Every structure is written in C-alpha cells, then in structure tokens.
Amino acid sequence: MKNIYQLILLSILTVTFPLAAKEQSDVTEFVQQMFVQGIPYEEASTYDSSNVITLKDMLRNPEYLQHWGKIAVMISIIGDESVVEDIIYFIENDPTGDFGKPHLLAKKNALFGLGYLINRTQNKTAEKYLTKGLEPAEWDKRGVLTLGRFSDSDTRNQYLSKASLLGLAISGSEDTLKAILKLEATDKKSSKFRGNIDHMLGDLIATNSEIKSRGLKKYYERRKH
C-alpha cells in the first residue's frame, strides 16, 4: 500500500494538507503557487464552484501551460458534474497547439482529477471514461495527439491508461472498484498494459476500498504520518 501511495504522490499530483489556516487567496493565484507536494486537496476544497469559470478560461490559455495540471484537478475538485465534458475536451483536444511534455502531464493529471469528481458526484460519464481508458488503444481512437516526452503513441497510451487506473482507484466508488477487479481478473499475459500494472493492482483495490469506507480526507490524513 505504501508504494502505491508514493506512486500517487510522485507520478500524478500529490495532496497535502496545510499546517495552519490562512486567508483564502484568489483562485488564480492559488493554482499558480508552487506546492512542494502538489495541490493541497483540503485547501482546494474550500473554494466554491463560482471559481470554475475562471479556471476554465485559464485551462484554455497557453500562458498558464505550466499550471494546467493543477487547474484541471482543481476544476474536478470544486466543479459540478457539468465540468466532465470540459475535462474530457481538454484531454482529447489541442485547440491552441501541442506543447509537449508539460501538456501531456497536464492531461495525465486531468485524468487523475476525474477520480476526485467521481468521489464527490458518482458521475457515470466520468466513471465510464476512465474505465474505457484502461484500454491503451482507446487513446488513439479518442484522437489524443500529444506525445509529450514519449517517441511513440503506444508508450504514451500506456501512460494515459495508467493515469486512468489511478483515477479509478482514488474515486473510491463501487463501480470503479468493479472495473479494477475486472482488470485484475484478466490474464496478466493478455496485454502489455496488464503485465505492466500487475504489481499495482492489489494495492489499488485496497486504496479504492479504503477511500470508499473512510473518505478521501481521512485517507490522506492517515498517510501524512
């Protein structure tokens, strides 16, 4: 379990809790801060959905490229179910161009962020999107072009499918748990992706179950120590 938690911290966006209460900053300033361990979930949750319009504008503006990953996750943390379409559009489209490595990382973070939205809303569109995303070939069908640091789409697809898996785990819902269990039940030799993530599945199943029973806040609080 500890290794999986470290994977969530290091490969997607870590979540920390502030040591002391402080005055809430403007959301534009908040998502541009440099967090040593990623955007703090508890503090992010104190912002309300009225900030989503501003965040959507930032997600469309290349000026904020280096912060797109935090912005996408923030939208999923505070937005209602209507933001699912916006996040999916961001993942699948590059209307202002392909910006390489930070762009793909932001898409990966956006997938992970959908797990937070599912945890709050049980949105079925997001659940199905992440579940289907466990199939690496799906990313070519969805038209994702950004390769980021990778030289081929196959490796990129594996990367995005892994992000989908982590998003399912952090969502803590019954249906997403079923999706992970179904994946676990398949032969680990059935595909390259299945073999690559075999060592993670047991801990991800435990993570999903713990979040379902204890909630995200208690899940992260227990791991601060």
C-alpha atoms as a PDB file:
ATOM      1  CA  MET A   1       0.000   0.000   0.000  1.00  0.00           C
ATOM      2  CA  LYS A   2       2.815   2.414   0.862  1.00  0.00           C
ATOM      3  CA  ASN A   3       4.354   2.009  -2.597  1.00  0.00           C
ATOM      4  CA  ILE A   4       1.052   2.809  -4.285  1.00  0.00           C
ATOM      5  CA  TYR A   5       0.606   5.912  -2.156  1.00  0.00           C
ATOM      6  CA  GLN A   6       4.104   7.031  -3.157  1.00  0.00           C
ATOM      7  CA  LEU A   7       3.196   6.414  -6.788  1.00  0.00           C
ATOM      8  CA  ILE A   8       0.157   8.659  -6.425  1.00  0.00           C
ATOM      9  CA  LEU A   9       2.371  11.298  -4.815  1.00  0.00           C
ATOM     10  CA  LEU A  10       5.168  11.181  -7.347  1.00  0.00           C
ATOM     11  CA  SER A  11       3.632  10.324 -10.696  1.00  0.00           C
ATOM     12  CA  ILE A  12       0.409  12.331 -10.663  1.00  0.00           C
ATOM     13  CA  LEU A  13      -0.333  15.098  -8.183  1.00  0.00           C
ATOM     14  CA  THR A  14       0.300  14.741  -4.527  1.00  0.00           C
ATOM     15  CA  VAL A  15      -2.164  16.039  -1.994  1.00  0.00           C
ATOM     16  CA  THR A  16      -1.114  17.695   1.227  1.00  0.00           C
ATOM     17  CA  PHE A  17      -2.969  19.451   3.998  1.00  0.00           C
ATOM     18  CA  PRO A  18      -1.929  22.939   5.197  1.00  0.00           C
ATOM     19  CA  LEU A  19      -0.400  23.189   8.640  1.00  0.00           C
ATOM     20  CA  ALA A  20      -2.418  26.224   9.627  1.00  0.00           C
ATOM     21  CA  ALA A  21      -5.488  28.084   8.459  1.00  0.00           C
ATOM     22  CA  LYS A  22      -4.871  31.145   6.329  1.00  0.00           C
ATOM     23  CA  GLU A  23      -6.876  33.678   4.397  1.00  0.00           C
ATOM     24  CA  GLN A  24      -8.149  32.263   1.121  1.00  0.00           C
ATOM     25  CA  SER A  25      -6.261  33.644  -1.863  1.00  0.00           C
ATOM     26  CA  ASP A  26      -7.729  34.427  -5.249  1.00  0.00           C
ATOM     27  CA  VAL A  27      -8.180  31.164  -7.186  1.00  0.00           C
ATOM     28  CA  THR A  28      -5.944  32.451  -9.995  1.00  0.00           C
ATOM     29  CA  GLU A  29      -3.127  32.965  -7.519  1.00  0.00           C
ATOM     30  CA  PHE A  30      -3.832  29.701  -5.711  1.00  0.00           C
ATOM     31  CA  VAL A  31      -3.388  27.425  -8.747  1.00  0.00           C
ATOM     32  CA  GLN A  32      -0.170  29.190  -9.742  1.00  0.00           C
ATOM     33  CA  GLN A  33       1.526  28.511  -6.426  1.00  0.00           C
ATOM     34  CA  MET A  34       4.421  26.060  -6.325  1.00  0.00           C
ATOM     35  CA  PHE A  35       3.334  23.306  -3.952  1.00  0.00           C
ATOM     36  CA  VAL A  36       6.199  21.097  -2.831  1.00  0.00           C
ATOM     37  CA  GLN A  37       3.895  18.081  -2.735  1.00  0.00           C
ATOM     38  CA  GLY A  38       1.220  19.175  -5.154  1.00  0.00           C
ATOM     39  CA  ILE A  39      -2.083  20.983  -4.826  1.00  0.00           C
ATOM     40  CA  PRO A  40      -3.456  20.615  -1.259  1.00  0.00           C
ATOM     41  CA  TYR A  41      -6.820  18.851  -1.545  1.00  0.00           C
ATOM     42  CA  GLU A  42      -8.332  20.164   1.681  1.00  0.00           C
ATOM     43  CA  GLU A  43      -7.451  23.783   0.893  1.00  0.00           C
ATOM     44  CA  ALA A  44      -8.585  23.416  -2.720  1.00  0.00           C
ATOM     45  CA  SER A  45     -11.924  22.105  -1.461  1.00  0.00           C
ATOM     46  CA  THR A  46     -12.618  25.362   0.372  1.00  0.00           C
ATOM     47  CA  TYR A  47     -13.159  27.157  -2.942  1.00  0.00           C
ATOM     48  CA  ASP A  48     -16.686  27.043  -4.341  1.00  0.00           C
ATOM     49  CA  SER A  49     -17.930  26.315  -7.837  1.00  0.00           C
ATOM     50  CA  SER A  50     -18.213  30.015  -8.689  1.00  0.00           C
ATOM     51  CA  ASN A  51     -14.470  29.857  -9.447  1.00  0.00           C
ATOM     52  CA  VAL A  52     -14.888  27.262 -12.203  1.00  0.00           C
ATOM     53  CA  ILE A  53     -15.490  29.824 -14.971  1.00  0.00           C
ATOM     54  CA  THR A  54     -12.149  31.488 -14.211  1.00  0.00           C
ATOM     55  CA  LEU A  55     -10.382  28.127 -14.104  1.00  0.00           C
ATOM     56  CA  LYS A  56     -11.879  27.060 -17.449  1.00  0.00           C
ATOM     57  CA  ASP A  57     -10.572  30.252 -19.046  1.00  0.00           C
ATOM     58  CA  MET A  58      -7.116  29.527 -17.645  1.00  0.00           C
ATOM     59  CA  LEU A  59      -7.255  25.972 -18.978  1.00  0.00           C
ATOM     60  CA  ARG A  60      -7.736  27.368 -22.482  1.00  0.00           C
ATOM     61  CA  ASN A  61      -4.901  29.896 -22.204  1.00  0.00           C
ATOM     62  CA  PRO A  62      -1.347  28.660 -23.036  1.00  0.00           C
ATOM     63  CA  GLU A  63       0.000  31.393 -20.762  1.00  0.00           C
ATOM     64  CA  TYR A  64      -0.895  29.043 -17.900  1.00  0.00           C
ATOM     65  CA  LEU A  65       0.552  25.886 -19.514  1.00  0.00           C
ATOM     66  CA  GLN A  66       2.797  25.074 -16.559  1.00  0.00           C
ATOM     67  CA  HIS A  67      -0.230  25.164 -14.265  1.00  0.00           C
ATOM     68  CA  TRP A  68      -2.752  23.342 -16.468  1.00  0.00           C
ATOM     69  CA  GLY A  69      -2.432  20.114 -14.478  1.00  0.00           C
ATOM     70  CA  LYS A  70      -3.301  21.855 -11.198  1.00  0.00           C
ATOM     71  CA  ILE A  71      -6.076  23.804 -12.864  1.00  0.00           C
ATOM     72  CA  ALA A  72      -7.692  20.669 -14.329  1.00  0.00           C
ATOM     73  CA  VAL A  73      -7.583  18.894 -10.968  1.00  0.00           C
ATOM     74  CA  MET A  74      -8.946  21.986  -9.203  1.00  0.00           C
ATOM     75  CA  ILE A  75     -11.905  22.052 -11.595  1.00  0.00           C
ATOM     76  CA  SER A  76     -12.690  18.426 -10.736  1.00  0.00           C
ATOM     77  CA  ILE A  77     -12.382  19.114  -7.008  1.00  0.00           C
ATOM     78  CA  ILE A  78     -14.838  22.029  -6.918  1.00  0.00           C
ATOM     79  CA  GLY A  79     -16.920  21.762 -10.096  1.00  0.00           C
ATOM     80  CA  ASP A  80     -20.282  20.105 -10.529  1.00  0.00           C
ATOM     81  CA  GLU A  81     -20.999  17.272 -12.947  1.00  0.00           C
ATOM     82  CA  SER A  82     -21.195  19.643 -15.909  1.00  0.00           C
ATOM     83  CA  VAL A  83     -17.396  20.057 -15.892  1.00  0.00           C
ATOM     84  CA  VAL A  84     -16.842  16.458 -17.005  1.00  0.00           C
ATOM     85  CA  GLU A  85     -17.296  17.495 -20.648  1.00  0.00           C
ATOM     86  CA  ASP A  86     -14.764  20.306 -20.229  1.00  0.00           C
ATOM     87  CA  ILE A  87     -12.152  17.981 -18.728  1.00  0.00           C
ATOM     88  CA  ILE A  88     -12.680  15.362 -21.423  1.00  0.00           C
ATOM     89  CA  TYR A  89     -12.376  18.037 -24.108  1.00  0.00           C
ATOM     90  CA  PHE A  90      -9.099  19.208 -22.572  1.00  0.00           C
ATOM     91  CA  ILE A  91      -7.740  15.656 -22.544  1.00  0.00           C
ATOM     92  CA  GLU A  92      -8.687  14.866 -26.122  1.00  0.00           C
ATOM     93  CA  ASN A  93      -8.107  18.164 -27.925  1.00  0.00           C
ATOM     94  CA  ASP A  94      -5.288  20.643 -28.504  1.00  0.00           C
ATOM     95  CA  PRO A  95      -7.041  23.718 -29.947  1.00  0.00           C
ATOM     96  CA  THR A  96      -4.124  26.034 -29.196  1.00  0.00           C
ATOM     97  CA  GLY A  97      -1.377  23.590 -30.202  1.00  0.00           C
ATOM     98  CA  ASP A  98       0.708  20.733 -28.846  1.00  0.00           C
ATOM     99  CA  PHE A  99       3.007  21.931 -26.065  1.00  0.00           C
ATOM    100  CA  GLY A 100       4.914  18.712 -25.464  1.00  0.00           C
ATOM    101  CA  LYS A 101       5.874  17.248 -22.096  1.00  0.00           C
ATOM    102  CA  PRO A 102       4.027  19.664 -19.732  1.00  0.00           C
ATOM    103  CA  HIS A 103       0.937  19.372 -21.929  1.00  0.00           C
ATOM    104  CA  LEU A 104       0.774  15.576 -21.676  1.00  0.00           C
ATOM    105  CA  LEU A 105       1.485  15.728 -17.951  1.00  0.00           C
ATOM    106  CA  ALA A 106      -1.484  18.073 -17.574  1.00  0.00           C
ATOM    107  CA  LYS A 107      -3.705  15.602 -19.444  1.00  0.00           C
ATOM    108  CA  LYS A 108      -2.496  12.836 -17.158  1.00  0.00           C
ATOM    109  CA  ASN A 109      -3.318  14.948 -14.107  1.00  0.00           C
ATOM    110  CA  ALA A 110      -6.733  15.743 -15.568  1.00  0.00           C
ATOM    111  CA  LEU A 111      -7.479  12.013 -15.760  1.00  0.00           C
ATOM    112  CA  PHE A 112      -6.458  11.572 -12.148  1.00  0.00           C
ATOM    113  CA  GLY A 113      -8.592  14.577 -11.181  1.00  0.00           C
ATOM    114  CA  LEU A 114     -11.681  12.891 -12.615  1.00  0.00           C
ATOM    115  CA  GLY A 115     -11.299  10.424  -9.752  1.00  0.00           C
ATOM    116  CA  TYR A 116     -11.941  13.250  -7.286  1.00  0.00           C
ATOM    117  CA  LEU A 117     -15.039  14.309  -9.197  1.00  0.00           C
ATOM    118  CA  ILE A 118     -16.364  10.736  -9.211  1.00  0.00           C
ATOM    119  CA  ASN A 119     -15.755  10.526  -5.470  1.00  0.00           C
ATOM    120  CA  ARG A 120     -17.979  13.586  -4.909  1.00  0.00           C
ATOM    121  CA  THR A 121     -20.653  13.089  -7.560  1.00  0.00           C
ATOM    122  CA  GLN A 122     -20.608   9.409  -8.654  1.00  0.00           C
ATOM    123  CA  ASN A 123     -20.767  10.732 -12.221  1.00  0.00           C
ATOM    124  CA  LYS A 124     -21.273   7.808 -14.596  1.00  0.00           C
ATOM    125  CA  THR A 125     -19.815   9.545 -17.650  1.00  0.00           C
ATOM    126  CA  ALA A 126     -16.524  10.074 -15.836  1.00  0.00           C
ATOM    127  CA  GLU A 127     -16.567   6.501 -14.499  1.00  0.00           C
ATOM    128  CA  LYS A 128     -17.100   5.074 -17.983  1.00  0.00           C
ATOM    129  CA  TYR A 129     -14.467   7.384 -19.461  1.00  0.00           C
ATOM    130  CA  LEU A 130     -11.768   6.229 -17.057  1.00  0.00           C
ATOM    131  CA  THR A 131     -12.838   2.592 -17.325  1.00  0.00           C
ATOM    132  CA  LYS A 132     -12.662   2.650 -21.115  1.00  0.00           C
ATOM    133  CA  GLY A 133      -9.338   4.456 -20.788  1.00  0.00           C
ATOM    134  CA  LEU A 134      -7.846   1.280 -19.314  1.00  0.00           C
ATOM    135  CA  GLU A 135      -7.606   0.074 -22.913  1.00  0.00           C
ATOM    136  CA  PRO A 136      -4.454   1.736 -24.322  1.00  0.00           C
ATOM    137  CA  ALA A 137      -5.735   1.624 -27.912  1.00  0.00           C
ATOM    138  CA  GLU A 138      -8.656   3.796 -26.831  1.00  0.00           C
ATOM    139  CA  TRP A 139      -6.393   6.858 -26.669  1.00  0.00           C
ATOM    140  CA  ASP A 140      -5.708   6.710 -30.391  1.00  0.00           C
ATOM    141  CA  LYS A 141      -9.443   6.349 -31.031  1.00  0.00           C
ATOM    142  CA  ARG A 142     -10.058   9.409 -28.874  1.00  0.00           C
ATOM    143  CA  GLY A 143      -7.722  11.406 -31.047  1.00  0.00           C
ATOM    144  CA  VAL A 144      -5.103  12.334 -28.456  1.00  0.00           C
ATOM    145  CA  LEU A 145      -2.098  13.633 -30.397  1.00  0.00           C
ATOM    146  CA  THR A 146       0.283  14.974 -27.750  1.00  0.00           C
ATOM    147  CA  LEU A 147       3.226  12.599 -27.264  1.00  0.00           C
ATOM    148  CA  GLY A 148       4.933  14.590 -24.522  1.00  0.00           C
ATOM    149  CA  ARG A 149       8.263  13.016 -23.617  1.00  0.00           C
ATOM    150  CA  PHE A 150       7.490   9.809 -25.494  1.00  0.00           C
ATOM    151  CA  SER A 151       8.599   8.943 -29.020  1.00  0.00           C
ATOM    152  CA  ASP A 152       5.592   6.794 -29.939  1.00  0.00           C
ATOM    153  CA  SER A 153       1.878   6.686 -29.279  1.00  0.00           C
ATOM    154  CA  ASP A 154       1.914   3.156 -27.826  1.00  0.00           C
ATOM    155  CA  THR A 155       4.076   4.204 -24.868  1.00  0.00           C
ATOM    156  CA  ARG A 156       2.013   7.375 -24.479  1.00  0.00           C
ATOM    157  CA  ASN A 157      -1.164   5.292 -24.436  1.00  0.00           C
ATOM    158  CA  GLN A 158       0.209   3.083 -21.655  1.00  0.00           C
ATOM    159  CA  TYR A 159       0.956   6.247 -19.678  1.00  0.00           C
ATOM    160  CA  LEU A 160      -2.594   7.562 -20.026  1.00  0.00           C
ATOM    161  CA  SER A 161      -4.156   4.187 -19.223  1.00  0.00           C
ATOM    162  CA  LYS A 162      -2.119   4.054 -16.033  1.00  0.00           C
ATOM    163  CA  ALA A 163      -3.403   7.527 -15.101  1.00  0.00           C
ATOM    164  CA  SER A 164      -6.949   6.286 -15.713  1.00  0.00           C
ATOM    165  CA  LEU A 165      -6.317   3.374 -13.377  1.00  0.00           C
ATOM    166  CA  LEU A 166      -5.071   5.654 -10.616  1.00  0.00           C
ATOM    167  CA  GLY A 167      -8.096   7.902 -11.114  1.00  0.00           C
ATOM    168  CA  LEU A 168     -10.391   4.901 -10.700  1.00  0.00           C
ATOM    169  CA  ALA A 169      -8.573   3.887  -7.526  1.00  0.00           C
ATOM    170  CA  ILE A 170      -8.789   7.315  -5.905  1.00  0.00           C
ATOM    171  CA  SER A 171     -12.504   7.654  -6.722  1.00  0.00           C
ATOM    172  CA  GLY A 172     -13.492   5.136  -4.061  1.00  0.00           C
ATOM    173  CA  SER A 173     -16.743   4.089  -5.750  1.00  0.00           C
ATOM    174  CA  GLU A 174     -18.351   0.674  -6.051  1.00  0.00           C
ATOM    175  CA  ASP A 175     -18.459   0.702  -9.854  1.00  0.00           C
ATOM    176  CA  THR A 176     -14.846   1.797 -10.243  1.00  0.00           C
ATOM    177  CA  LEU A 177     -13.791  -0.946  -7.850  1.00  0.00           C
ATOM    178  CA  LYS A 178     -15.562  -3.437 -10.095  1.00  0.00           C
ATOM    179  CA  ALA A 179     -13.618  -2.093 -13.072  1.00  0.00           C
ATOM    180  CA  ILE A 180     -10.294  -2.604 -11.283  1.00  0.00           C
ATOM    181  CA  LEU A 181     -11.327  -6.089 -10.131  1.00  0.00           C
ATOM    182  CA  LYS A 182     -12.308  -6.981 -13.686  1.00  0.00           C
ATOM    183  CA  LEU A 183      -8.891  -5.872 -14.888  1.00  0.00           C
ATOM    184  CA  GLU A 184      -7.220  -7.892 -12.155  1.00  0.00           C
ATOM    185  CA  ALA A 185      -9.176 -10.993 -13.219  1.00  0.00           C
ATOM    186  CA  THR A 186      -7.724 -10.919 -16.733  1.00  0.00           C
ATOM    187  CA  ASP A 187      -4.564 -12.856 -17.566  1.00  0.00           C
ATOM    188  CA  LYS A 188      -1.527 -10.676 -16.877  1.00  0.00           C
ATOM    189  CA  LYS A 189      -0.060 -12.008 -20.115  1.00  0.00           C
ATOM    190  CA  SER A 190      -3.096 -10.868 -22.089  1.00  0.00           C
ATOM    191  CA  SER A 191      -1.627  -7.455 -22.878  1.00  0.00           C
ATOM    192  CA  LYS A 192       1.459  -5.344 -22.334  1.00  0.00           C
ATOM    193  CA  PHE A 193      -0.506  -2.938 -20.163  1.00  0.00           C
ATOM    194  CA  ARG A 194      -1.952  -5.699 -17.983  1.00  0.00           C
ATOM    195  CA  GLY A 195       1.500  -7.089 -17.342  1.00  0.00           C
ATOM    196  CA  ASN A 196       2.984  -3.675 -16.569  1.00  0.00           C
ATOM    197  CA  ILE A 197       0.437  -2.840 -13.876  1.00  0.00           C
ATOM    198  CA  ASP A 198       0.096  -6.297 -12.319  1.00  0.00           C
ATOM    199  CA  HIS A 199       2.212  -5.368  -9.279  1.00  0.00           C
ATOM    200  CA  MET A 200      -0.049  -2.377  -8.530  1.00  0.00           C
ATOM    201  CA  LEU A 201      -3.494  -3.905  -8.637  1.00  0.00           C
ATOM    202  CA  GLY A 202      -3.713  -5.354  -5.133  1.00  0.00           C
ATOM    203  CA  ASP A 203      -2.807  -2.055  -3.505  1.00  0.00           C
ATOM    204  CA  LEU A 204      -5.068  -0.066  -5.814  1.00  0.00           C
ATOM    205  CA  ILE A 205      -8.007  -2.267  -4.901  1.00  0.00           C
ATOM    206  CA  ALA A 206      -7.221  -1.692  -1.224  1.00  0.00           C
ATOM    207  CA  THR A 207      -6.913   2.061  -1.846  1.00  0.00           C
ATOM    208  CA  ASN A 208     -10.299   2.227  -3.551  1.00  0.00           C
ATOM    209  CA  SER A 209     -11.936   0.237  -0.758  1.00  0.00           C
ATOM    210  CA  GLU A 210     -10.402   2.373   1.992  1.00  0.00           C
ATOM    211  CA  ILE A 211     -11.484   5.633   0.365  1.00  0.00           C
ATOM    212  CA  LYS A 212     -14.978   4.243  -0.114  1.00  0.00           C
ATOM    213  CA  SER A 213     -15.264   3.392   3.573  1.00  0.00           C
ATOM    214  CA  ARG A 214     -13.270   6.236   5.189  1.00  0.00           C
ATOM    215  CA  GLY A 215     -13.418   9.096   2.691  1.00  0.00           C
ATOM    216  CA  LEU A 216     -10.618  10.974   0.947  1.00  0.00           C
ATOM    217  CA  LYS A 217      -9.784  13.311   3.816  1.00  0.00           C
ATOM    218  CA  LYS A 218      -9.194  10.526   6.315  1.00  0.00           C
ATOM    219  CA  TYR A 219      -7.332   8.508   3.682  1.00  0.00           C
ATOM    220  CA  TYR A 220      -4.804  11.294   3.163  1.00  0.00           C
ATOM    221  CA  GLU A 221      -4.626  12.289   6.818  1.00  0.00           C
ATOM    222  CA  ARG A 222      -3.624   8.752   7.788  1.00  0.00           C
ATOM    223  CA  ARG A 223      -0.764   8.871   5.295  1.00  0.00           C
ATOM    224  CA  LYS A 224       0.696  12.156   6.465  1.00  0.00           C
ATOM    225  CA  HIS A 225       2.243  10.351   9.408  1.00  0.00           C
END
